[in-house]
């Protein structure tokens, strides 16, 4: 993940059973799909 204000890159661990980035994103974000994210500017 990249912080939009500082451009700092954060590496987050997920369970080794994850088989896709989308699945990992859902796991990290309390089962919210990335398509549901709102972009804040």
N, C-alpha and C. Protein backbone atom coordinates (compact mmCIF):
# COMPACT_ATOMS: atom_id res chain seq x y z
N UNK A 1 0.85 -1.17 0.00
CA UNK A 1 0.00 0.00 0.00
C UNK A 1 0.89 1.22 0.00
N UNK A 2 0.46 2.27 -0.68
CA UNK A 2 1.20 3.52 -0.73
C UNK A 2 0.38 4.63 -0.11
N UNK A 3 0.97 5.35 0.82
CA UNK A 3 0.30 6.48 1.46
C UNK A 3 0.22 7.62 0.45
N UNK A 4 -0.99 8.13 0.17
CA UNK A 4 -1.12 9.17 -0.85
C UNK A 4 -0.48 10.50 -0.45
N UNK A 5 -0.34 10.78 0.84
CA UNK A 5 0.22 12.08 1.25
C UNK A 5 1.73 12.07 1.39
N UNK A 6 2.32 10.91 1.70
CA UNK A 6 3.78 10.86 1.89
C UNK A 6 4.49 9.99 0.86
N UNK A 7 3.75 9.20 0.10
CA UNK A 7 4.29 8.24 -0.87
C UNK A 7 5.07 7.12 -0.19
N UNK A 8 4.92 6.98 1.13
CA UNK A 8 5.57 5.89 1.85
C UNK A 8 4.90 4.57 1.49
N UNK A 9 5.69 3.56 1.20
CA UNK A 9 5.16 2.25 0.82
C UNK A 9 5.13 1.35 2.05
N UNK A 10 3.95 0.83 2.36
CA UNK A 10 3.74 -0.07 3.48
C UNK A 10 3.57 -1.49 2.95
N UNK A 11 4.29 -2.44 3.52
CA UNK A 11 4.12 -3.85 3.17
C UNK A 11 3.31 -4.51 4.28
N UNK A 12 2.22 -5.15 3.92
CA UNK A 12 1.34 -5.78 4.89
C UNK A 12 1.32 -7.28 4.64
N UNK A 13 1.49 -8.05 5.70
CA UNK A 13 1.45 -9.50 5.56
C UNK A 13 0.01 -9.99 5.54
N UNK A 14 -0.20 -11.02 4.76
CA UNK A 14 -1.50 -11.69 4.70
C UNK A 14 -1.25 -13.19 4.83
N UNK A 15 -2.28 -13.97 5.13
CA UNK A 15 -2.10 -15.41 5.26
C UNK A 15 -1.52 -16.01 3.96
N UNK A 16 -0.68 -17.02 4.08
CA UNK A 16 -0.07 -17.63 2.90
C UNK A 16 -1.06 -18.35 1.99
N UNK A 17 -2.27 -18.54 2.45
CA UNK A 17 -3.28 -19.21 1.63
C UNK A 17 -3.93 -18.29 0.61
N UNK A 18 -3.65 -16.98 0.69
CA UNK A 18 -4.22 -16.03 -0.26
C UNK A 18 -3.64 -16.31 -1.64
N UNK A 19 -4.50 -16.34 -2.66
CA UNK A 19 -4.04 -16.68 -4.01
C UNK A 19 -4.13 -15.51 -4.99
N UNK A 20 -4.67 -14.37 -4.55
CA UNK A 20 -4.75 -13.21 -5.44
C UNK A 20 -4.63 -11.93 -4.63
N UNK A 21 -4.23 -10.87 -5.32
CA UNK A 21 -4.12 -9.57 -4.67
C UNK A 21 -5.49 -9.09 -4.19
N UNK A 22 -6.51 -9.33 -5.00
CA UNK A 22 -7.86 -8.89 -4.63
C UNK A 22 -8.34 -9.58 -3.35
N UNK A 23 -8.06 -10.86 -3.24
CA UNK A 23 -8.42 -11.61 -2.03
C UNK A 23 -7.68 -11.04 -0.81
N UNK A 24 -6.41 -10.71 -0.98
CA UNK A 24 -5.62 -10.14 0.11
C UNK A 24 -6.14 -8.77 0.52
N UNK A 25 -6.55 -7.96 -0.46
CA UNK A 25 -7.10 -6.64 -0.16
C UNK A 25 -8.38 -6.77 0.65
N UNK A 26 -9.23 -7.72 0.27
CA UNK A 26 -10.46 -7.95 1.04
C UNK A 26 -10.13 -8.37 2.47
N UNK A 27 -9.14 -9.22 2.64
CA UNK A 27 -8.79 -9.72 3.97
C UNK A 27 -8.29 -8.58 4.85
N UNK A 28 -7.45 -7.71 4.30
CA UNK A 28 -6.88 -6.59 5.06
C UNK A 28 -7.95 -5.56 5.41
N UNK A 29 -8.94 -5.37 4.55
CA UNK A 29 -9.92 -4.31 4.72
C UNK A 29 -11.28 -4.82 5.20
N UNK A 30 -11.27 -5.75 6.12
CA UNK A 30 -12.48 -6.25 6.77
C UNK A 30 -13.53 -6.70 5.78
N UNK A 31 -13.11 -7.42 4.75
CA UNK A 31 -13.98 -8.03 3.75
C UNK A 31 -14.69 -7.01 2.85
N UNK A 32 -14.11 -5.80 2.71
CA UNK A 32 -14.64 -4.81 1.79
C UNK A 32 -13.87 -4.96 0.47
N UNK A 33 -14.60 -5.14 -0.62
CA UNK A 33 -13.97 -5.32 -1.92
C UNK A 33 -13.36 -3.99 -2.40
N UNK A 34 -12.26 -4.06 -3.12
CA UNK A 34 -11.59 -2.86 -3.59
C UNK A 34 -12.46 -2.04 -4.53
N UNK A 35 -13.42 -2.64 -5.21
CA UNK A 35 -14.33 -1.90 -6.09
C UNK A 35 -15.27 -0.99 -5.30
N UNK A 36 -15.40 -1.24 -4.01
CA UNK A 36 -16.30 -0.44 -3.17
C UNK A 36 -15.60 0.75 -2.53
N UNK A 37 -14.28 0.85 -2.70
CA UNK A 37 -13.52 1.95 -2.10
C UNK A 37 -13.92 3.27 -2.75
N UNK A 38 -13.97 4.31 -1.94
CA UNK A 38 -14.18 5.66 -2.46
C UNK A 38 -12.83 6.37 -2.52
N UNK A 39 -12.62 7.13 -3.55
CA UNK A 39 -11.38 7.87 -3.69
C UNK A 39 -11.56 9.25 -3.06
N UNK A 40 -10.66 9.57 -2.14
CA UNK A 40 -10.72 10.89 -1.49
C UNK A 40 -9.62 11.77 -2.07
N UNK A 41 -9.97 12.99 -2.39
CA UNK A 41 -8.97 13.91 -2.92
C UNK A 41 -8.86 15.15 -2.05
